[in-house]
């Protein structure tokens, strides 16, 4: 019962973050569908594969064991950790974008390039969150069909991102290039951040030899 509550709570947060802004957009008559940058059939195949992989988590937990291997609590909690991290990233990405910036596909109206909030650390935090959730499904539901669904979902969404990047390059020009060079597509460049920090590993290495003699002198 505890496991069911944990999973349903995570997906409740996810669905709230995904659906509520779109309802508000509909009420305010804000456009929610843009131009799909890749083949439409491929686009919807990716979305269907992703949703199905999420559904299989609940089927595995509450109805029938779909995995090739015996159930193991370790796999479940790894799945929960990935789902929790994914839901957090997804929600933070939506909060950073704002209610009226969400849409399926590429915007046709004038828009601005969002680089604040969680977008300072990843150019695609929303999809990174979905990727982590899909990987959680693959780890928990150890079934070849589910693995294939996850692979399809990841591949199609990566293709969507590549199409979006071409669009951003054309629309925002140098602003996009500067942002692209500064922030990675998925995972934040920790080494780059450390190099800009006040005390970087290199700075610390150079400071330590200077600090040690001073400490010795004070003891004398």
N, C-alpha and C. Protein backbone atom coordinates (compact mmCIF):
# COMPACT_ATOMS: atom_id res chain seq x y z
N UNK A 1 0.82 -1.20 0.00
CA UNK A 1 0.00 0.00 0.00
C UNK A 1 0.87 1.26 0.00
N UNK A 2 1.95 1.21 0.77
CA UNK A 2 2.87 2.34 0.84
C UNK A 2 3.45 2.66 -0.53
N UNK A 3 3.81 1.61 -1.28
CA UNK A 3 4.38 1.82 -2.60
C UNK A 3 3.38 2.47 -3.54
N UNK A 4 2.13 2.03 -3.47
CA UNK A 4 1.09 2.59 -4.33
C UNK A 4 0.91 4.08 -4.03
N UNK A 5 0.90 4.44 -2.76
CA UNK A 5 0.72 5.83 -2.37
C UNK A 5 1.87 6.69 -2.88
N UNK A 6 3.09 6.18 -2.73
CA UNK A 6 4.26 6.93 -3.19
C UNK A 6 4.19 7.19 -4.70
N UNK A 7 3.92 6.14 -5.46
CA UNK A 7 3.88 6.28 -6.92
C UNK A 7 2.73 7.19 -7.37
N UNK A 8 1.56 6.98 -6.80
CA UNK A 8 0.41 7.78 -7.20
C UNK A 8 0.60 9.24 -6.82
N UNK A 9 1.28 9.50 -5.73
CA UNK A 9 1.55 10.88 -5.33
C UNK A 9 2.46 11.57 -6.33
N UNK A 10 3.51 10.86 -6.75
CA UNK A 10 4.44 11.42 -7.73
C UNK A 10 3.74 11.72 -9.05
N UNK A 11 2.92 10.76 -9.51
CA UNK A 11 2.24 10.97 -10.78
C UNK A 11 1.14 12.02 -10.66
N UNK A 12 0.56 12.17 -9.46
CA UNK A 12 -0.43 13.23 -9.26
C UNK A 12 0.22 14.61 -9.40
N UNK A 13 1.42 14.75 -8.85
CA UNK A 13 2.15 16.01 -8.99
C UNK A 13 2.50 16.25 -10.45
N UNK A 14 2.95 15.20 -11.11
CA UNK A 14 3.32 15.31 -12.53
C UNK A 14 2.13 15.73 -13.38
N UNK A 15 1.00 15.07 -13.20
CA UNK A 15 -0.19 15.39 -14.00
C UNK A 15 -0.71 16.79 -13.70
N UNK A 16 -0.63 17.19 -12.45
CA UNK A 16 -1.05 18.54 -12.08
C UNK A 16 -0.19 19.58 -12.79
N UNK A 17 1.13 19.36 -12.77
CA UNK A 17 2.05 20.29 -13.43
C UNK A 17 1.85 20.31 -14.94
N UNK A 18 1.46 19.17 -15.51
CA UNK A 18 1.32 19.08 -16.97
C UNK A 18 -0.04 19.60 -17.46
N UNK A 19 -1.08 19.38 -16.67
CA UNK A 19 -2.44 19.66 -17.15
C UNK A 19 -2.97 21.03 -16.74
N UNK A 20 -2.76 21.42 -15.49
CA UNK A 20 -3.34 22.67 -14.98
C UNK A 20 -2.96 23.89 -15.83
N UNK A 21 -1.67 24.08 -16.17
CA UNK A 21 -1.33 25.24 -17.01
C UNK A 21 -2.06 25.24 -18.35
N UNK A 22 -2.27 24.07 -18.92
CA UNK A 22 -2.95 24.00 -20.22
C UNK A 22 -4.44 24.35 -20.07
N UNK A 23 -5.03 23.97 -18.95
CA UNK A 23 -6.42 24.35 -18.69
C UNK A 23 -6.54 25.86 -18.58
N UNK A 24 -5.59 26.46 -17.87
CA UNK A 24 -5.59 27.92 -17.73
C UNK A 24 -5.42 28.58 -19.10
N UNK A 25 -4.54 28.01 -19.92
CA UNK A 25 -4.34 28.56 -21.26
C UNK A 25 -5.62 28.49 -22.09
N UNK A 26 -6.33 27.37 -21.97
CA UNK A 26 -7.58 27.23 -22.72
C UNK A 26 -8.60 28.27 -22.26
N UNK A 27 -8.68 28.48 -20.94
CA UNK A 27 -9.63 29.46 -20.41
C UNK A 27 -9.29 30.86 -20.90
N UNK A 28 -7.98 31.15 -20.94
CA UNK A 28 -7.52 32.48 -21.37
C UNK A 28 -7.40 32.59 -22.89
N UNK A 29 -7.74 31.50 -23.59
CA UNK A 29 -7.68 31.44 -25.04
C UNK A 29 -6.27 31.72 -25.57
N UNK A 30 -5.31 31.07 -24.91
CA UNK A 30 -3.92 31.17 -25.33
C UNK A 30 -3.58 29.94 -26.16
N UNK A 31 -2.90 30.13 -27.29
CA UNK A 31 -2.55 29.04 -28.19
C UNK A 31 -1.65 28.02 -27.48
N UNK A 32 -2.01 26.74 -27.56
CA UNK A 32 -1.24 25.69 -26.89
C UNK A 32 -0.57 24.73 -27.87
N UNK A 33 -0.88 24.86 -29.15
CA UNK A 33 -0.31 23.96 -30.15
C UNK A 33 0.42 24.79 -31.21
N UNK A 34 1.69 24.47 -31.41
CA UNK A 34 2.47 25.16 -32.43
C UNK A 34 2.76 24.25 -33.60
N UNK A 35 3.79 24.56 -34.33
CA UNK A 35 4.20 23.76 -35.49
C UNK A 35 5.08 22.60 -35.02
N UNK A 36 4.71 21.39 -35.38
CA UNK A 36 5.49 20.22 -35.00
C UNK A 36 6.69 20.12 -35.94
N UNK A 37 7.87 20.12 -35.35
CA UNK A 37 9.09 20.23 -36.14
C UNK A 37 9.57 18.94 -36.80
N UNK A 38 8.94 17.81 -36.46
CA UNK A 38 9.31 16.54 -37.07
C UNK A 38 8.07 15.88 -37.65
N UNK A 39 8.24 14.73 -38.27
CA UNK A 39 7.11 13.99 -38.83
C UNK A 39 6.04 13.77 -37.75
N UNK A 40 4.80 14.09 -38.06
CA UNK A 40 3.73 14.03 -37.06
C UNK A 40 3.51 12.62 -36.53
N UNK A 41 3.58 11.63 -37.40
CA UNK A 41 3.39 10.26 -36.95
C UNK A 41 4.49 9.85 -35.98
N UNK A 42 5.71 10.25 -36.29
CA UNK A 42 6.83 9.96 -35.41
C UNK A 42 6.68 10.69 -34.08
N UNK A 43 6.21 11.93 -34.15
CA UNK A 43 5.99 12.74 -32.96
C UNK A 43 5.02 12.05 -32.01
N UNK A 44 3.87 11.65 -32.53
CA UNK A 44 2.86 11.03 -31.68
C UNK A 44 3.26 9.62 -31.25
N UNK A 45 4.07 8.93 -32.04
CA UNK A 45 4.60 7.64 -31.63
C UNK A 45 5.48 7.80 -30.39
N UNK A 46 6.31 8.85 -30.39
CA UNK A 46 7.16 9.11 -29.23
C UNK A 46 6.34 9.42 -27.98
N UNK A 47 5.30 10.24 -28.14
CA UNK A 47 4.45 10.59 -27.00
C UNK A 47 3.71 9.36 -26.48
N UNK A 48 3.17 8.54 -27.40
CA UNK A 48 2.44 7.34 -27.01
C UNK A 48 3.36 6.35 -26.30
N UNK A 49 4.57 6.19 -26.80
CA UNK A 49 5.53 5.28 -26.18
C UNK A 49 5.87 5.72 -24.76
N UNK A 50 6.04 7.02 -24.58
CA UNK A 50 6.38 7.54 -23.26
C UNK A 50 5.24 7.32 -22.27
N UNK A 51 4.02 7.65 -22.68
CA UNK A 51 2.86 7.49 -21.80
C UNK A 51 2.65 6.02 -21.45
N UNK A 52 2.80 5.15 -22.45
CA UNK A 52 2.61 3.71 -22.22
C UNK A 52 3.62 3.18 -21.20
N UNK A 53 4.86 3.66 -21.30
CA UNK A 53 5.88 3.21 -20.34
C UNK A 53 5.52 3.64 -18.93
N UNK A 54 4.88 4.80 -18.79
CA UNK A 54 4.43 5.24 -17.47
C UNK A 54 3.28 4.37 -16.95
N UNK A 55 2.36 4.04 -17.85
CA UNK A 55 1.21 3.21 -17.46
C UNK A 55 1.67 1.84 -16.99
N UNK A 56 2.71 1.30 -17.64
CA UNK A 56 3.19 -0.04 -17.28
C UNK A 56 3.75 -0.09 -15.85
N UNK A 57 4.20 1.04 -15.34
CA UNK A 57 4.65 1.08 -13.95
C UNK A 57 3.50 0.72 -13.02
N UNK A 58 2.34 1.30 -13.28
CA UNK A 58 1.16 1.05 -12.44
C UNK A 58 0.63 -0.37 -12.65
N UNK A 59 0.70 -0.85 -13.87
CA UNK A 59 0.28 -2.24 -14.14
C UNK A 59 1.17 -3.20 -13.37
N UNK A 60 2.47 -2.95 -13.40
CA UNK A 60 3.43 -3.81 -12.70
C UNK A 60 3.19 -3.80 -11.19
N UNK A 61 2.91 -2.61 -10.66
CA UNK A 61 2.77 -2.47 -9.21
C UNK A 61 1.45 -3.04 -8.69
N UNK A 62 0.35 -2.82 -9.42
CA UNK A 62 -0.94 -3.15 -8.85
C UNK A 62 -1.67 -4.33 -9.46
N UNK A 63 -1.20 -4.84 -10.61
CA UNK A 63 -1.98 -5.86 -11.28
C UNK A 63 -1.20 -7.14 -11.58
N UNK A 64 -0.17 -7.05 -12.37
CA UNK A 64 0.53 -8.26 -12.79
C UNK A 64 2.02 -7.97 -12.96
N UNK A 65 2.83 -8.96 -12.63
CA UNK A 65 4.27 -8.80 -12.77
C UNK A 65 4.66 -8.97 -14.25
N UNK A 66 5.12 -7.89 -14.86
CA UNK A 66 5.50 -7.91 -16.27
C UNK A 66 6.99 -8.16 -16.47
N UNK A 67 7.75 -8.13 -15.39
CA UNK A 67 9.20 -8.22 -15.49
C UNK A 67 9.68 -9.64 -15.77
N UNK A 68 10.81 -9.72 -16.41
CA UNK A 68 11.43 -11.02 -16.66
C UNK A 68 12.01 -11.62 -15.39
N UNK A 69 12.28 -10.75 -14.41
CA UNK A 69 12.91 -11.20 -13.18
C UNK A 69 11.95 -11.05 -12.01
N UNK A 70 12.30 -11.68 -10.90
CA UNK A 70 11.46 -11.60 -9.71
C UNK A 70 11.44 -10.17 -9.18
N UNK A 71 10.32 -9.80 -8.55
CA UNK A 71 10.20 -8.45 -8.00
C UNK A 71 11.28 -8.21 -6.95
N UNK A 72 11.82 -7.00 -6.98
CA UNK A 72 12.89 -6.63 -6.05
C UNK A 72 12.64 -5.21 -5.58
N UNK A 73 12.60 -5.00 -4.26
CA UNK A 73 12.32 -3.67 -3.73
C UNK A 73 13.37 -2.65 -4.17
N UNK A 74 14.59 -3.11 -4.38
CA UNK A 74 15.65 -2.19 -4.79
C UNK A 74 15.31 -1.53 -6.12
N UNK A 75 14.79 -2.31 -7.07
CA UNK A 75 14.41 -1.76 -8.37
C UNK A 75 13.29 -0.74 -8.22
N UNK A 76 12.36 -1.04 -7.33
CA UNK A 76 11.24 -0.12 -7.11
C UNK A 76 11.72 1.22 -6.59
N UNK A 77 12.60 1.20 -5.59
CA UNK A 77 13.03 2.46 -4.98
C UNK A 77 13.98 3.23 -5.89
N UNK A 78 14.72 2.54 -6.73
CA UNK A 78 15.51 3.23 -7.76
C UNK A 78 14.58 3.94 -8.72
N UNK A 79 13.52 3.24 -9.08
CA UNK A 79 12.49 3.82 -9.95
C UNK A 79 11.88 5.06 -9.29
N UNK A 80 11.57 4.97 -8.01
CA UNK A 80 10.98 6.10 -7.28
C UNK A 80 11.95 7.29 -7.27
N UNK A 81 13.23 7.01 -7.05
CA UNK A 81 14.23 8.09 -7.03
C UNK A 81 14.30 8.80 -8.38
N UNK A 82 14.29 8.02 -9.47
CA UNK A 82 14.32 8.61 -10.81
C UNK A 82 13.02 9.36 -11.11
N UNK A 83 11.89 8.78 -10.72
CA UNK A 83 10.62 9.44 -10.93
C UNK A 83 10.55 10.75 -10.15
N UNK A 84 10.98 10.71 -8.89
CA UNK A 84 10.95 11.91 -8.05
C UNK A 84 11.81 13.02 -8.63
N UNK A 85 13.01 12.68 -9.06
CA UNK A 85 13.91 13.67 -9.66
C UNK A 85 13.33 14.20 -10.96
N UNK A 86 12.76 13.29 -11.75
CA UNK A 86 12.17 13.69 -13.03
C UNK A 86 10.98 14.62 -12.84
N UNK A 87 10.10 14.27 -11.91
CA UNK A 87 8.93 15.11 -11.64
C UNK A 87 9.36 16.49 -11.14
N UNK A 88 10.38 16.52 -10.30
CA UNK A 88 10.88 17.79 -9.78
C UNK A 88 11.40 18.67 -10.92
N UNK A 89 12.22 18.09 -11.81
CA UNK A 89 12.76 18.85 -12.93
C UNK A 89 11.64 19.34 -13.85
N UNK A 90 10.69 18.45 -14.13
CA UNK A 90 9.56 18.79 -15.01
C UNK A 90 8.77 19.96 -14.43
N UNK A 91 8.47 19.89 -13.14
CA UNK A 91 7.68 20.93 -12.48
C UNK A 91 8.44 22.25 -12.43
N UNK A 92 9.73 22.20 -12.08
CA UNK A 92 10.53 23.42 -12.02
C UNK A 92 10.65 24.07 -13.40
N UNK A 93 10.73 23.24 -14.45
CA UNK A 93 10.81 23.77 -15.81
C UNK A 93 9.54 24.52 -16.17
N UNK A 94 8.39 23.98 -15.80
CA UNK A 94 7.12 24.64 -16.09
C UNK A 94 6.99 25.94 -15.30
N UNK A 95 7.43 25.91 -14.03
CA UNK A 95 7.37 27.12 -13.22
C UNK A 95 8.30 28.20 -13.79
N UNK A 96 9.44 27.78 -14.33
CA UNK A 96 10.37 28.74 -14.92
C UNK A 96 9.81 29.35 -16.21
N UNK A 97 9.10 28.53 -16.98
CA UNK A 97 8.53 29.01 -18.24
C UNK A 97 7.36 29.96 -18.01
N UNK A 98 6.53 29.65 -17.01
CA UNK A 98 5.33 30.43 -16.80
C UNK A 98 4.13 29.78 -17.48
N UNK A 99 2.96 30.07 -16.99
CA UNK A 99 1.73 29.42 -17.45
C UNK A 99 1.48 29.57 -18.94
N UNK A 100 1.77 30.74 -19.49
CA UNK A 100 1.35 31.02 -20.86
C UNK A 100 2.45 30.72 -21.89
N UNK A 101 3.51 30.04 -21.48
CA UNK A 101 4.60 29.72 -22.41
C UNK A 101 4.61 28.25 -22.81
N UNK A 102 3.66 27.48 -22.32
CA UNK A 102 3.62 26.05 -22.62
C UNK A 102 2.86 25.80 -23.92
N UNK A 103 3.43 24.93 -24.73
CA UNK A 103 2.73 24.55 -25.96
C UNK A 103 3.34 23.28 -26.51
N UNK A 104 2.58 22.59 -27.33
CA UNK A 104 3.09 21.42 -28.05
C UNK A 104 3.60 21.90 -29.39
N UNK A 105 4.85 21.63 -29.70
CA UNK A 105 5.42 22.07 -30.96
C UNK A 105 6.11 23.42 -30.84
N UNK A 106 6.48 23.98 -31.99
CA UNK A 106 7.23 25.23 -32.06
C UNK A 106 6.29 26.42 -32.15
N UNK A 107 6.55 27.47 -31.37
CA UNK A 107 5.66 28.64 -31.38
C UNK A 107 5.74 29.41 -32.70
N UNK A 108 4.61 29.90 -33.15
CA UNK A 108 4.58 30.69 -34.38
C UNK A 108 4.57 32.19 -34.07
N UNK A 109 4.09 32.56 -32.88
CA UNK A 109 4.06 33.96 -32.49
C UNK A 109 5.43 34.37 -31.94
N UNK A 110 5.59 35.68 -31.69
CA UNK A 110 6.84 36.18 -31.13
C UNK A 110 7.02 35.65 -29.71
N UNK A 111 8.20 35.15 -29.42
CA UNK A 111 8.50 34.61 -28.09
C UNK A 111 9.88 35.07 -27.65
N UNK A 112 10.18 34.86 -26.38
CA UNK A 112 11.51 35.18 -25.86
C UNK A 112 12.21 33.89 -25.49
N UNK A 113 13.52 33.94 -25.42
CA UNK A 113 14.33 32.78 -25.07
C UNK A 113 14.45 32.70 -23.56
N UNK A 114 13.95 31.62 -22.98
CA UNK A 114 13.98 31.47 -21.52
C UNK A 114 15.33 30.89 -21.09
N UNK A 115 16.04 31.64 -20.27
CA UNK A 115 17.35 31.19 -19.80
C UNK A 115 17.49 31.30 -18.28
N UNK A 116 16.39 31.58 -17.60
CA UNK A 116 16.45 31.76 -16.15
C UNK A 116 15.91 30.52 -15.44
N UNK A 117 15.94 30.56 -14.11
CA UNK A 117 15.43 29.43 -13.33
C UNK A 117 16.24 28.18 -13.60
N UNK A 118 15.55 27.06 -13.72
CA UNK A 118 16.23 25.78 -13.94
C UNK A 118 16.87 25.72 -15.33
N UNK A 119 16.47 26.64 -16.23
CA UNK A 119 17.06 26.68 -17.56
C UNK A 119 18.48 27.24 -17.55
N UNK A 120 18.96 27.68 -16.40
CA UNK A 120 20.36 28.07 -16.27
C UNK A 120 21.27 26.85 -16.23
N UNK A 121 20.70 25.70 -15.90
CA UNK A 121 21.49 24.50 -15.69
C UNK A 121 21.31 23.45 -16.79
N UNK A 122 20.21 23.53 -17.51
CA UNK A 122 19.94 22.60 -18.61
C UNK A 122 19.08 23.32 -19.63
N UNK A 123 19.37 23.11 -20.91
CA UNK A 123 18.56 23.73 -21.95
C UNK A 123 17.22 23.03 -22.11
N UNK A 124 17.12 21.80 -21.61
CA UNK A 124 15.89 21.02 -21.75
C UNK A 124 15.52 20.30 -20.45
N UNK A 125 15.31 21.05 -19.37
CA UNK A 125 15.02 20.39 -18.08
C UNK A 125 13.71 19.62 -18.08
N UNK A 126 12.74 20.10 -18.85
CA UNK A 126 11.45 19.41 -18.89
C UNK A 126 11.59 18.02 -19.50
N UNK A 127 12.27 17.95 -20.63
CA UNK A 127 12.45 16.65 -21.27
C UNK A 127 13.46 15.79 -20.51
N UNK A 128 14.43 16.41 -19.88
CA UNK A 128 15.35 15.65 -19.03
C UNK A 128 14.58 14.97 -17.91
N UNK A 129 13.60 15.68 -17.34
CA UNK A 129 12.75 15.08 -16.32
C UNK A 129 11.97 13.90 -16.86
N UNK A 130 11.43 14.03 -18.07
CA UNK A 130 10.69 12.93 -18.68
C UNK A 130 11.61 11.75 -18.97
N UNK A 131 12.85 12.03 -19.38
CA UNK A 131 13.81 10.96 -19.63
C UNK A 131 14.06 10.16 -18.36
N UNK A 132 14.26 10.87 -17.25
CA UNK A 132 14.52 10.18 -15.98
C UNK A 132 13.33 9.33 -15.56
N UNK A 133 12.13 9.83 -15.79
CA UNK A 133 10.93 9.05 -15.47
C UNK A 133 10.84 7.80 -16.34
N UNK A 134 11.18 7.94 -17.62
CA UNK A 134 11.16 6.78 -18.52
C UNK A 134 12.20 5.75 -18.12
N UNK A 135 13.39 6.21 -17.70
CA UNK A 135 14.42 5.29 -17.25
C UNK A 135 13.98 4.57 -15.98
N UNK A 136 13.26 5.29 -15.12
CA UNK A 136 12.70 4.65 -13.93
C UNK A 136 11.76 3.52 -14.30
N UNK A 137 10.95 3.74 -15.32
CA UNK A 137 10.04 2.71 -15.80
C UNK A 137 10.82 1.51 -16.33
N UNK A 138 11.90 1.78 -17.10
CA UNK A 138 12.70 0.70 -17.68
C UNK A 138 13.36 -0.15 -16.60
N UNK A 139 13.76 0.48 -15.49
CA UNK A 139 14.41 -0.26 -14.41
C UNK A 139 13.41 -1.08 -13.61
N UNK A 140 12.22 -0.54 -13.41
CA UNK A 140 11.22 -1.24 -12.59
C UNK A 140 10.47 -2.31 -13.38
N UNK A 141 10.05 -1.96 -14.60
CA UNK A 141 9.33 -2.91 -15.45
C UNK A 141 10.33 -3.50 -16.43
N UNK A 142 10.96 -4.58 -16.03
CA UNK A 142 12.05 -5.18 -16.81
C UNK A 142 11.49 -6.13 -17.86
N UNK A 143 10.95 -5.49 -18.88
CA UNK A 143 10.29 -6.23 -19.94
C UNK A 143 10.77 -5.70 -21.29
N UNK A 144 11.13 -6.57 -22.24
CA UNK A 144 11.63 -6.09 -23.53
C UNK A 144 10.70 -5.12 -24.24
N UNK A 145 9.39 -5.33 -24.11
CA UNK A 145 8.45 -4.42 -24.74
C UNK A 145 8.58 -3.02 -24.14
N UNK A 146 8.70 -2.95 -22.81
CA UNK A 146 8.84 -1.66 -22.16
C UNK A 146 10.17 -1.01 -22.51
N UNK A 147 11.23 -1.80 -22.57
CA UNK A 147 12.53 -1.25 -22.95
C UNK A 147 12.48 -0.65 -24.34
N UNK A 148 11.78 -1.33 -25.24
CA UNK A 148 11.64 -0.81 -26.60
C UNK A 148 10.84 0.50 -26.60
N UNK A 149 9.79 0.56 -25.79
CA UNK A 149 8.99 1.79 -25.69
C UNK A 149 9.84 2.95 -25.19
N UNK A 150 10.67 2.68 -24.19
CA UNK A 150 11.52 3.72 -23.61
C UNK A 150 12.55 4.20 -24.63
N UNK A 151 13.15 3.26 -25.36
CA UNK A 151 14.14 3.62 -26.38
C UNK A 151 13.50 4.49 -27.47
N UNK A 152 12.31 4.10 -27.91
CA UNK A 152 11.59 4.89 -28.92
C UNK A 152 11.29 6.29 -28.40
N UNK A 153 10.79 6.34 -27.16
CA UNK A 153 10.44 7.63 -26.57
C UNK A 153 11.66 8.55 -26.47
N UNK A 154 12.77 8.02 -25.99
CA UNK A 154 13.98 8.84 -25.85
C UNK A 154 14.50 9.29 -27.21
N UNK A 155 14.51 8.38 -28.18
CA UNK A 155 15.03 8.72 -29.50
C UNK A 155 14.17 9.79 -30.19
N UNK A 156 12.85 9.64 -30.11
CA UNK A 156 11.96 10.61 -30.76
C UNK A 156 12.06 11.97 -30.09
N UNK A 157 12.07 12.00 -28.76
CA UNK A 157 12.15 13.28 -28.07
C UNK A 157 13.50 13.97 -28.30
N UNK A 158 14.55 13.18 -28.46
CA UNK A 158 15.84 13.79 -28.80
C UNK A 158 15.77 14.42 -30.19
N UNK A 159 15.09 13.76 -31.11
CA UNK A 159 14.91 14.31 -32.46
C UNK A 159 14.09 15.61 -32.39
N UNK A 160 13.10 15.64 -31.52
CA UNK A 160 12.30 16.85 -31.33
C UNK A 160 13.18 18.00 -30.85
N UNK A 161 14.07 17.69 -29.91
CA UNK A 161 14.98 18.71 -29.38
C UNK A 161 15.89 19.26 -30.48
N UNK A 162 16.41 18.39 -31.32
CA UNK A 162 17.28 18.84 -32.41
C UNK A 162 16.54 19.79 -33.36
N UNK A 163 15.27 19.48 -33.63
CA UNK A 163 14.45 20.36 -34.48
C UNK A 163 14.22 21.70 -33.79
N UNK A 164 13.99 21.67 -32.48
CA UNK A 164 13.80 22.90 -31.72
C UNK A 164 15.06 23.75 -31.74
N UNK A 165 16.21 23.12 -31.66
CA UNK A 165 17.47 23.87 -31.65
C UNK A 165 17.69 24.60 -32.97
N UNK A 166 17.34 23.95 -34.08
CA UNK A 166 17.44 24.62 -35.38
C UNK A 166 16.51 25.84 -35.42
N UNK A 167 15.34 25.67 -34.86
CA UNK A 167 14.36 26.77 -34.80
C UNK A 167 14.89 27.92 -33.95
N UNK A 168 15.43 27.60 -32.78
CA UNK A 168 15.95 28.63 -31.89
C UNK A 168 17.13 29.37 -32.53
N UNK A 169 17.97 28.62 -33.23
CA UNK A 169 19.12 29.24 -33.90
C UNK A 169 18.65 30.27 -34.93
N UNK A 170 17.64 29.88 -35.68
CA UNK A 170 17.12 30.77 -36.72
C UNK A 170 16.41 31.98 -36.13
N UNK A 171 15.67 31.78 -35.04
CA UNK A 171 14.87 32.88 -34.47
C UNK A 171 15.70 33.82 -33.59
N UNK A 172 16.58 33.25 -32.76
CA UNK A 172 17.26 34.08 -31.76
C UNK A 172 18.72 34.38 -32.10
N UNK A 173 19.28 33.71 -33.09
CA UNK A 173 20.61 34.04 -33.57
C UNK A 173 21.70 33.99 -32.51
N UNK A 174 22.41 35.11 -32.34
CA UNK A 174 23.56 35.16 -31.43
C UNK A 174 23.16 34.90 -29.98
N UNK A 175 21.96 35.31 -29.61
CA UNK A 175 21.49 35.06 -28.24
C UNK A 175 21.41 33.57 -27.97
N UNK A 176 20.92 32.81 -28.94
CA UNK A 176 20.85 31.36 -28.80
C UNK A 176 22.24 30.73 -28.78
N UNK A 177 23.12 31.20 -29.65
CA UNK A 177 24.48 30.65 -29.72
C UNK A 177 25.20 30.84 -28.38
N UNK A 178 25.06 32.03 -27.78
CA UNK A 178 25.70 32.30 -26.50
C UNK A 178 25.13 31.38 -25.41
N UNK A 179 23.81 31.21 -25.42
CA UNK A 179 23.16 30.34 -24.44
C UNK A 179 23.56 28.89 -24.66
N UNK A 180 23.60 28.45 -25.91
CA UNK A 180 23.98 27.08 -26.24
C UNK A 180 25.41 26.77 -25.81
N UNK A 181 26.29 27.74 -25.97
CA UNK A 181 27.69 27.54 -25.59
C UNK A 181 27.87 27.54 -24.07
N UNK A 182 26.96 28.20 -23.37
CA UNK A 182 27.08 28.33 -21.92
C UNK A 182 26.40 27.19 -21.16
N UNK A 183 25.29 26.69 -21.70
CA UNK A 183 24.48 25.69 -20.99
C UNK A 183 24.35 24.44 -21.86
N UNK A 184 24.54 23.30 -21.26
CA UNK A 184 24.47 22.05 -22.03
C UNK A 184 23.04 21.65 -22.36
N UNK A 185 22.94 20.77 -23.33
CA UNK A 185 21.62 20.33 -23.79
C UNK A 185 20.82 19.64 -22.69
N UNK A 186 21.48 18.80 -21.92
CA UNK A 186 20.78 18.04 -20.87
C UNK A 186 21.37 18.26 -19.49
N UNK A 187 22.62 17.78 -19.30
CA UNK A 187 23.21 17.76 -17.96
C UNK A 187 24.08 18.99 -17.76
N UNK A 188 23.92 19.62 -16.60
CA UNK A 188 24.67 20.82 -16.27
C UNK A 188 26.17 20.55 -16.22
N UNK A 189 26.94 21.49 -16.74
CA UNK A 189 28.40 21.36 -16.77
C UNK A 189 28.97 21.81 -15.43
N UNK A 190 29.11 20.88 -14.49
CA UNK A 190 29.59 21.21 -13.15
C UNK A 190 31.02 21.74 -13.20
N UNK A 191 31.83 21.16 -14.07
CA UNK A 191 33.22 21.61 -14.17
C UNK A 191 33.30 23.07 -14.59
N UNK A 192 32.41 23.46 -15.52
CA UNK A 192 32.39 24.85 -15.95
C UNK A 192 32.01 25.77 -14.81
N UNK A 193 31.03 25.32 -14.00
CA UNK A 193 30.61 26.14 -12.85
C UNK A 193 31.75 26.28 -11.85
N UNK A 194 32.47 25.19 -11.60
CA UNK A 194 33.58 25.24 -10.66
C UNK A 194 34.68 26.18 -11.13
N UNK A 195 34.88 26.22 -12.45
CA UNK A 195 35.93 27.09 -12.99
C UNK A 195 35.58 28.56 -12.80
N UNK A 196 34.26 28.86 -12.64
CA UNK A 196 33.85 30.24 -12.43
C UNK A 196 33.65 30.57 -10.96
N UNK A 197 33.75 29.55 -10.10
CA UNK A 197 33.52 29.76 -8.67
C UNK A 197 34.67 30.55 -8.05
N UNK A 198 34.41 31.14 -6.90
CA UNK A 198 35.42 31.92 -6.20
C UNK A 198 36.60 31.06 -5.83
N UNK A 199 36.31 29.85 -5.30
CA UNK A 199 37.37 28.90 -4.96
C UNK A 199 37.18 27.67 -5.83
N UNK A 200 37.94 27.60 -6.89
CA UNK A 200 37.89 26.45 -7.78
C UNK A 200 38.92 25.43 -7.33
N UNK A 201 38.85 24.18 -7.82
CA UNK A 201 39.86 23.19 -7.44
C UNK A 201 41.27 23.67 -7.75
N UNK A 202 41.45 24.37 -8.90
CA UNK A 202 42.78 24.85 -9.27
C UNK A 202 43.23 25.96 -8.32
N UNK A 203 42.29 26.87 -8.01
CA UNK A 203 42.62 27.96 -7.10
C UNK A 203 42.99 27.41 -5.73
N UNK A 204 42.23 26.42 -5.28
CA UNK A 204 42.47 25.83 -3.97
C UNK A 204 43.83 25.18 -3.93
N UNK A 205 44.22 24.52 -5.03
CA UNK A 205 45.52 23.86 -5.08
C UNK A 205 46.65 24.88 -4.98
N UNK A 206 46.45 26.06 -5.63
CA UNK A 206 47.49 27.07 -5.60
C UNK A 206 47.54 27.80 -4.25
N UNK A 207 46.39 27.87 -3.56
CA UNK A 207 46.36 28.59 -2.31
C UNK A 207 46.92 27.78 -1.15
N UNK A 208 46.75 26.47 -1.21
CA UNK A 208 47.16 25.65 -0.08
C UNK A 208 48.64 25.77 0.25
N UNK A 209 49.56 25.70 -0.72
CA UNK A 209 50.98 25.82 -0.39
C UNK A 209 51.31 27.15 0.27
N UNK A 210 50.56 28.20 -0.12
CA UNK A 210 50.83 29.51 0.47
C UNK A 210 50.31 29.59 1.90
N UNK A 211 49.25 28.82 2.19
CA UNK A 211 48.67 28.86 3.52
C UNK A 211 49.48 28.06 4.53
N UNK A 212 50.04 26.95 4.09
CA UNK A 212 50.76 26.07 5.00
C UNK A 212 51.97 26.74 5.65
N UNK A 213 52.88 27.40 4.91
CA UNK A 213 54.03 28.06 5.54
C UNK A 213 53.60 29.11 6.55
N UNK A 214 52.50 29.85 6.25
CA UNK A 214 52.03 30.85 7.18
C UNK A 214 51.61 30.23 8.49
N UNK A 215 50.95 29.08 8.42
CA UNK A 215 50.51 28.40 9.63
C UNK A 215 51.73 27.93 10.44
N UNK A 216 52.75 27.44 9.72
CA UNK A 216 53.97 26.97 10.40
C UNK A 216 54.68 28.14 11.10
N UNK A 217 54.72 29.28 10.41
CA UNK A 217 55.37 30.45 10.99
C UNK A 217 54.68 30.91 12.25
N UNK A 218 53.34 30.86 12.26
CA UNK A 218 52.60 31.29 13.44
C UNK A 218 52.88 30.37 14.61
N UNK A 219 53.07 29.06 14.34
CA UNK A 219 53.34 28.13 15.41
C UNK A 219 54.72 28.38 16.01
N UNK A 220 55.65 28.80 15.17
CA UNK A 220 57.01 29.10 15.67
C UNK A 220 56.98 30.33 16.57
